[in-house]
Amino acid sequence: MGDFNPAREQKYFLSPENSHQPLKFWLNLVLFIATIISTYLVGLTWSASFIFADKIGEIESNKEAGLQLFLNDQVLVLAGVYVAVLLGILSAHELGHFLTCRHYHLRATLPYFIPAPTLIGTLGAFIKIKSPITRKKQLFDIGVAGPLTSFFLSLPALAYGLSLSRVVPSMSQEESIIFGEPLILKFITRLVLGHVSPGNDIILHPIAFAGWVGILVTAFNLFPIGQLDGGHVIYALLGPRSRRLTPLVIIFFVVMGVFFWIGWLFWAFIISVIGLKHPRLLDEDEPLSSSRRLIGWLTLIIFILSFIPDPIKGYTLFDLLSNLRG
């Protein structure tokens, strides 16, 4: 997710003719293949849960019967669709950064995907920018390219996936995983499915779930801090004044981690490791163009529409401490 442009790499300049040297991509390829495998395995679970929602009890109580469901042809195909949509969104996000770097003759790596046994099968992806970013417009354009791409690709996935999703009577939280809803999902749900009564739940089709992940990734990256995409955007807009937001964002993460979702604490740690400081630019005293400032406001609106206070419900710090004591 996002991109990484460490300050220690700001010491040299790269001429345009050297910015298109052949890229070593064997590690990128290995990680990408590993991520395909990890997301496919997770996709099998979501696909089986969607297709056989009425047989969840059988899956949990009878391992042999559950295995047969996972080997169902429809499940195998749908898991592949989940992988294609999810990695398509994540790839487009990172390629947005990569191609913008190439446009400005800045050297950057191809995306590094991170396979992981999470609920989505990956921890996302990132690129590493190896040339110094010296101009505001470069920093701004690179920062917004990824989130805008992933957001607008996630919308049709959400809309089409919701049209295929199932509305069922509400289940207890012990029997299911309940995901948080960003504002944009509530809006699209109302358009596609109409009013869903409080006594019902929506079982997301894997395509809709991939779109939900794309929205979540967009929100994660738009926080105005450090080396995140939002950090690039806010620094291009406000310059060094944006550093005043850093402690506020960290405090926000801690509060959200305690009261809404403990994953925010992990996200705060990751951001701290990547880097909280932003290298200075050569034209910090020059304002951005009015069109870029307008896009900056659009990006803020997208962040508000994409933000999910509790991506997974029931996983606050208090919930986990209560479960440990129980």
Protein backbone atom coordinates (compact mmCIF):
# COMPACT_ATOMS: atom_id res chain seq x y z
CA MET A 1 0.00 0.00 0.00
CA GLY A 2 1.28 3.41 -0.80
CA ASP A 3 4.87 4.18 -1.62
CA PHE A 4 8.13 4.59 0.25
CA ASN A 5 10.56 7.43 -0.43
CA PRO A 6 13.09 7.42 2.44
CA ALA A 7 14.89 10.67 3.27
CA ARG A 8 18.28 9.05 3.04
CA GLU A 9 17.69 8.58 -0.69
CA GLN A 10 17.21 12.33 -1.20
CA LYS A 11 20.98 12.86 -1.47
CA TYR A 12 21.34 12.34 -5.21
CA PHE A 13 19.67 13.28 -8.46
CA LEU A 14 18.97 11.00 -11.38
CA SER A 15 19.05 12.30 -14.91
CA PRO A 16 16.10 11.45 -17.18
CA GLU A 17 18.21 9.28 -19.42
CA ASN A 18 19.13 7.07 -16.46
CA SER A 19 15.61 6.88 -15.05
CA HIS A 20 14.55 4.15 -17.45
CA GLN A 21 17.21 1.59 -16.65
CA PRO A 22 16.06 -2.07 -16.76
CA LEU A 23 14.26 -3.00 -13.57
CA LYS A 24 15.13 -6.12 -11.58
CA PHE A 25 11.76 -7.67 -10.96
CA TRP A 26 12.36 -11.29 -9.92
CA LEU A 27 11.49 -10.53 -6.27
CA ASN A 28 8.39 -8.61 -7.37
CA LEU A 29 7.31 -11.63 -9.40
CA VAL A 30 7.91 -14.13 -6.59
CA LEU A 31 5.97 -12.01 -4.11
CA PHE A 32 3.17 -11.48 -6.61
CA ILE A 33 2.81 -15.23 -7.22
CA ALA A 34 2.88 -15.89 -3.47
CA THR A 35 0.16 -13.25 -3.02
CA ILE A 36 -1.97 -14.88 -5.73
CA ILE A 37 -1.74 -18.14 -3.77
CA SER A 38 -2.49 -16.57 -0.38
CA THR A 39 -5.44 -14.56 -1.68
CA TYR A 40 -6.79 -17.57 -3.57
CA LEU A 41 -6.79 -19.67 -0.41
CA VAL A 42 -8.67 -16.92 1.41
CA GLY A 43 -10.93 -16.53 -1.60
CA LEU A 44 -11.93 -20.20 -1.26
CA THR A 45 -13.18 -19.48 2.25
CA TRP A 46 -15.19 -16.40 1.25
CA SER A 47 -16.58 -18.12 -1.85
CA ALA A 48 -17.66 -21.21 0.09
CA SER A 49 -19.20 -19.05 2.80
CA PHE A 50 -21.14 -17.08 0.19
CA ILE A 51 -22.37 -20.02 -1.88
CA PHE A 52 -23.12 -22.30 1.05
CA ALA A 53 -24.17 -19.75 3.65
CA ASP A 54 -26.99 -22.08 4.75
CA LYS A 55 -24.48 -24.88 5.43
CA ILE A 56 -22.00 -22.99 7.65
CA GLY A 57 -22.85 -25.23 10.60
CA GLU A 58 -22.09 -28.32 8.53
CA ILE A 59 -18.76 -26.89 7.43
CA GLU A 60 -17.75 -26.20 11.03
CA SER A 61 -18.92 -29.54 12.47
CA ASN A 62 -17.92 -31.90 9.67
CA LYS A 63 -14.44 -31.30 8.29
CA GLU A 64 -14.85 -33.87 5.50
CA ALA A 65 -18.11 -32.29 4.32
CA GLY A 66 -16.53 -28.85 4.59
CA LEU A 67 -13.59 -29.95 2.42
CA GLN A 68 -15.97 -31.17 -0.26
CA LEU A 69 -17.65 -27.76 -0.31
CA PHE A 70 -14.29 -26.04 -0.76
CA LEU A 71 -13.57 -28.28 -3.75
CA ASN A 72 -16.84 -27.38 -5.42
CA ASP A 73 -16.29 -26.15 -9.00
CA GLN A 74 -18.26 -22.97 -8.41
CA VAL A 75 -16.23 -22.19 -5.30
CA LEU A 76 -12.92 -22.77 -7.12
CA VAL A 77 -13.92 -20.43 -9.96
CA LEU A 78 -15.33 -17.73 -7.69
CA ALA A 79 -12.14 -17.72 -5.61
CA GLY A 80 -10.21 -16.99 -8.79
CA VAL A 81 -12.57 -14.12 -9.59
CA TYR A 82 -11.96 -12.70 -6.11
CA VAL A 83 -8.20 -12.84 -6.70
CA ALA A 84 -8.47 -11.18 -10.10
CA VAL A 85 -10.64 -8.30 -8.85
CA LEU A 86 -8.72 -7.70 -5.62
CA LEU A 87 -5.22 -7.86 -7.12
CA GLY A 88 -6.46 -5.85 -10.08
CA ILE A 89 -7.47 -3.02 -7.75
CA LEU A 90 -4.27 -3.22 -5.69
CA SER A 91 -2.10 -3.42 -8.82
CA ALA A 92 -3.82 -0.42 -10.37
CA HIS A 93 -3.27 1.57 -7.17
CA GLU A 94 0.46 0.94 -7.23
CA LEU A 95 0.77 1.34 -10.99
CA GLY A 96 -0.85 4.74 -10.60
CA HIS A 97 2.13 5.74 -8.45
CA PHE A 98 4.63 3.95 -10.69
CA LEU A 99 3.45 5.45 -13.98
CA THR A 100 3.30 8.94 -12.47
CA CYS A 101 6.91 8.51 -11.35
CA ARG A 102 7.87 7.48 -14.86
CA HIS A 103 6.03 10.50 -16.24
CA TYR A 104 8.29 12.74 -14.15
CA HIS A 105 11.41 10.67 -14.98
CA LEU A 106 11.69 9.45 -11.38
CA ARG A 107 13.08 5.99 -10.83
CA ALA A 108 10.74 3.65 -8.96
CA THR A 109 10.42 -0.08 -8.44
CA LEU A 110 7.56 -2.20 -9.64
CA PRO A 111 5.03 -3.07 -6.88
CA TYR A 112 6.08 -5.37 -4.06
CA PHE A 113 3.07 -7.41 -2.95
CA ILE A 114 2.91 -8.78 0.60
CA PRO A 115 1.31 -12.22 0.98
CA ALA A 116 -0.13 -12.84 4.42
CA PRO A 117 -2.64 -15.17 6.14
CA THR A 118 -5.07 -12.32 6.84
CA LEU A 119 -8.81 -12.10 6.23
CA ILE A 120 -8.08 -10.74 2.74
CA GLY A 121 -4.97 -12.82 1.98
CA THR A 122 -2.46 -9.97 1.76
CA LEU A 123 -1.09 -6.92 3.54
CA GLY A 124 -1.28 -4.94 0.31
CA ALA A 125 1.59 -3.68 -1.83
CA PHE A 126 4.01 -0.81 -2.13
CA ILE A 127 6.54 0.70 -4.51
CA LYS A 128 9.88 2.19 -3.59
CA ILE A 129 10.76 5.54 -5.16
CA LYS A 130 14.51 5.71 -5.68
CA SER A 131 14.79 9.21 -7.09
CA PRO A 132 14.35 12.37 -5.01
CA ILE A 133 11.02 14.13 -5.31
CA THR A 134 11.92 17.81 -5.46
CA ARG A 135 8.76 19.57 -6.69
CA LYS A 136 5.32 20.03 -5.19
CA LYS A 137 3.43 18.99 -8.28
CA GLN A 138 5.46 15.77 -8.49
CA LEU A 139 4.75 14.93 -4.86
CA PHE A 140 1.06 15.77 -5.16
CA ASP A 141 0.49 13.90 -8.42
CA ILE A 142 2.30 10.78 -7.19
CA GLY A 143 0.36 10.89 -3.92
CA VAL A 144 -3.13 11.15 -5.44
CA ALA A 145 -2.60 8.80 -8.40
CA GLY A 146 -2.86 5.60 -6.36
CA PRO A 147 -5.89 6.36 -4.14
CA LEU A 148 -7.92 7.92 -6.95
CA THR A 149 -7.29 4.86 -9.13
CA SER A 150 -8.17 2.29 -6.46
CA PHE A 151 -11.24 4.23 -5.33
CA PHE A 152 -12.79 4.58 -8.78
CA LEU A 153 -12.01 0.94 -9.64
CA SER A 154 -13.55 -0.24 -6.37
CA LEU A 155 -16.89 1.46 -7.10
CA PRO A 156 -17.99 -0.82 -9.99
CA ALA A 157 -16.74 -3.86 -8.06
CA LEU A 158 -18.90 -2.82 -5.11
CA ALA A 159 -21.94 -2.06 -7.25
CA TYR A 160 -21.80 -5.24 -9.34
CA GLY A 161 -20.83 -7.41 -6.37
CA LEU A 162 -23.73 -6.04 -4.29
CA SER A 163 -26.14 -6.90 -7.10
CA LEU A 164 -25.00 -10.52 -6.68
CA SER A 165 -24.95 -10.47 -2.87
CA ARG A 166 -27.46 -12.20 -0.61
CA VAL A 167 -29.76 -10.68 2.01
CA VAL A 168 -30.40 -13.14 4.86
CA PRO A 169 -31.83 -13.00 8.39
CA SER A 170 -29.32 -11.57 10.85
CA MET A 171 -26.90 -14.01 12.45
CA SER A 172 -25.18 -13.62 15.80
CA GLN A 173 -21.67 -12.18 15.80
CA GLU A 174 -20.37 -15.46 17.23
CA GLU A 175 -21.45 -17.20 14.02
CA SER A 176 -20.10 -14.67 11.56
CA ILE A 177 -17.61 -11.90 10.87
CA ILE A 178 -19.29 -8.52 10.62
CA PHE A 179 -17.48 -5.89 8.57
CA GLY A 180 -17.82 -2.15 9.00
CA GLU A 181 -19.47 -0.05 6.32
CA PRO A 182 -17.93 3.10 4.84
CA LEU A 183 -20.34 5.81 3.78
CA ILE A 184 -19.81 4.99 0.10
CA LEU A 185 -20.86 1.36 0.69
CA LYS A 186 -24.04 2.47 2.47
CA PHE A 187 -24.84 4.76 -0.44
CA ILE A 188 -24.24 2.12 -3.13
CA THR A 189 -26.14 -0.51 -1.10
CA ARG A 190 -29.17 1.76 -0.99
CA LEU A 191 -28.96 2.30 -4.76
CA VAL A 192 -28.47 -1.38 -5.64
CA LEU A 193 -30.43 -3.27 -2.97
CA GLY A 194 -32.82 -0.62 -1.71
CA HIS A 195 -33.73 -0.53 1.98
CA VAL A 196 -32.36 -3.49 3.96
CA SER A 197 -34.36 -3.95 7.16
CA PRO A 198 -32.51 -4.03 10.50
CA GLY A 199 -33.36 -7.72 10.94
CA ASN A 200 -31.33 -8.75 7.89
CA ASP A 201 -27.64 -8.99 6.99
CA ILE A 202 -25.93 -8.81 3.62
CA ILE A 203 -23.62 -11.66 2.72
CA LEU A 204 -21.19 -9.98 0.35
CA HIS A 205 -20.40 -11.64 -2.94
CA PRO A 206 -16.59 -12.07 -3.23
CA ILE A 207 -16.50 -9.37 -5.92
CA ALA A 208 -18.20 -6.93 -3.55
CA PHE A 209 -15.81 -7.98 -0.80
CA ALA A 210 -12.84 -7.24 -3.09
CA GLY A 211 -14.35 -3.81 -3.74
CA TRP A 212 -14.73 -3.29 0.01
CA VAL A 213 -11.04 -4.10 0.46
CA GLY A 214 -10.18 -1.59 -2.28
CA ILE A 215 -12.12 1.10 -0.42
CA LEU A 216 -10.38 0.16 2.84
CA VAL A 217 -6.96 0.36 1.17
CA THR A 218 -7.84 3.79 -0.20
CA ALA A 219 -8.77 5.05 3.27
CA PHE A 220 -5.66 3.55 4.88
CA ASN A 221 -3.40 5.33 2.43
CA LEU A 222 -5.10 8.72 2.61
CA PHE A 223 -4.29 9.44 6.24
CA PRO A 224 -2.34 12.74 6.23
CA ILE A 225 0.85 11.50 7.78
CA GLY A 226 4.43 10.54 6.89
CA GLN A 227 5.11 8.49 3.77
CA LEU A 228 1.49 7.53 3.16
CA ASP A 229 -0.22 8.86 0.04
CA GLY A 230 -2.19 11.25 2.20
CA GLY A 231 1.07 12.40 3.77
CA HIS A 232 2.40 13.30 0.32
CA VAL A 233 -0.79 15.15 -0.58
CA ILE A 234 -1.02 17.17 2.63
CA TYR A 235 2.68 18.09 2.50
CA ALA A 236 2.27 19.33 -1.07
CA LEU A 237 -0.72 21.39 0.05
CA LEU A 238 0.56 22.77 3.38
CA GLY A 239 4.33 22.27 3.33
CA PRO A 240 6.13 21.97 6.71
CA ARG A 241 2.95 23.12 8.50
CA SER A 242 1.50 19.66 7.80
CA ARG A 243 3.90 18.19 10.38
CA ARG A 244 1.66 19.61 13.09
CA LEU A 245 -0.90 16.98 12.14
CA THR A 246 1.44 14.07 12.87
CA PRO A 247 0.90 13.80 16.67
CA LEU A 248 -2.85 14.34 16.18
CA VAL A 249 -3.07 11.47 13.70
CA ILE A 250 -1.08 9.15 16.00
CA ILE A 251 -3.39 10.03 18.91
CA PHE A 252 -6.35 9.40 16.61
CA PHE A 253 -5.02 5.93 15.78
CA VAL A 254 -4.56 5.08 19.46
CA VAL A 255 -8.08 6.23 20.37
CA MET A 256 -9.59 4.34 17.41
CA GLY A 257 -7.57 1.24 18.33
CA VAL A 258 -8.88 1.24 21.88
CA PHE A 259 -12.53 1.98 21.20
CA PHE A 260 -13.25 0.79 17.63
CA TRP A 261 -10.73 -1.66 16.12
CA ILE A 262 -7.41 -2.81 17.56
CA GLY A 263 -5.91 -2.97 14.06
CA TRP A 264 -5.47 0.81 14.17
CA LEU A 265 -2.71 0.31 16.75
CA PHE A 266 -0.88 -2.00 14.35
CA TRP A 267 -1.36 0.53 11.52
CA ALA A 268 0.14 3.28 13.71
CA PHE A 269 3.18 1.05 14.30
CA ILE A 270 3.61 0.36 10.57
CA ILE A 271 3.43 4.06 9.74
CA SER A 272 6.02 4.84 12.43
CA VAL A 273 8.38 2.24 10.94
CA ILE A 274 7.93 3.56 7.39
CA GLY A 275 8.68 7.08 8.57
CA LEU A 276 6.81 10.06 10.02
CA LYS A 277 9.02 12.82 8.60
CA HIS A 278 8.77 14.21 5.10
CA PRO A 279 11.80 15.46 3.08
CA ARG A 280 11.72 19.13 2.13
CA LEU A 281 11.00 20.32 -1.41
CA LEU A 282 12.75 22.96 -3.52
CA ASP A 283 9.58 24.95 -4.18
CA GLU A 284 7.83 24.82 -0.81
CA ASP A 285 6.98 28.54 -0.95
CA GLU A 286 5.17 28.23 -4.27
CA PRO A 287 1.44 27.37 -4.11
CA LEU A 288 -0.05 24.48 -6.02
CA SER A 289 -2.21 25.22 -9.03
CA SER A 290 -5.92 25.76 -8.45
CA SER A 291 -6.75 22.52 -10.29
CA ARG A 292 -4.52 20.50 -7.97
CA ARG A 293 -5.99 22.20 -4.91
CA LEU A 294 -9.44 21.23 -6.21
CA ILE A 295 -8.29 17.62 -6.59
CA GLY A 296 -6.95 17.86 -3.05
CA TRP A 297 -10.44 18.69 -1.78
CA LEU A 298 -11.84 15.83 -3.86
CA THR A 299 -9.32 13.51 -2.22
CA LEU A 300 -10.50 14.66 1.22
CA ILE A 301 -14.09 13.84 0.26
CA ILE A 302 -12.98 10.41 -0.98
CA PHE A 303 -11.22 9.79 2.34
CA ILE A 304 -14.39 10.66 4.28
CA LEU A 305 -16.50 8.39 2.06
CA SER A 306 -13.98 5.53 2.36
CA PHE A 307 -13.10 5.69 6.05
CA ILE A 308 -14.28 2.78 8.20
CA PRO A 309 -13.97 3.31 11.98
CA ASP A 310 -14.31 -0.42 12.68
CA PRO A 311 -13.38 -2.53 9.63
CA ILE A 312 -14.11 -5.66 11.70
CA LYS A 313 -16.73 -5.23 14.42
CA GLY A 314 -16.18 -6.64 17.89
CA TYR A 315 -12.38 -6.29 17.91
CA THR A 316 -11.76 -3.32 20.18
CA LEU A 317 -9.02 -3.48 22.79
CA PHE A 318 -11.71 -3.94 25.45
CA ASP A 319 -13.25 -6.85 23.52
CA LEU A 320 -9.92 -8.65 23.27
CA LEU A 321 -9.10 -8.11 26.96
CA SER A 322 -12.54 -9.38 27.89
CA ASN A 323 -12.03 -12.53 25.77
CA LEU A 324 -8.65 -13.16 27.40
CA ARG A 325 -10.15 -12.90 30.86
CA GLY A 326 -13.04 -15.14 29.83
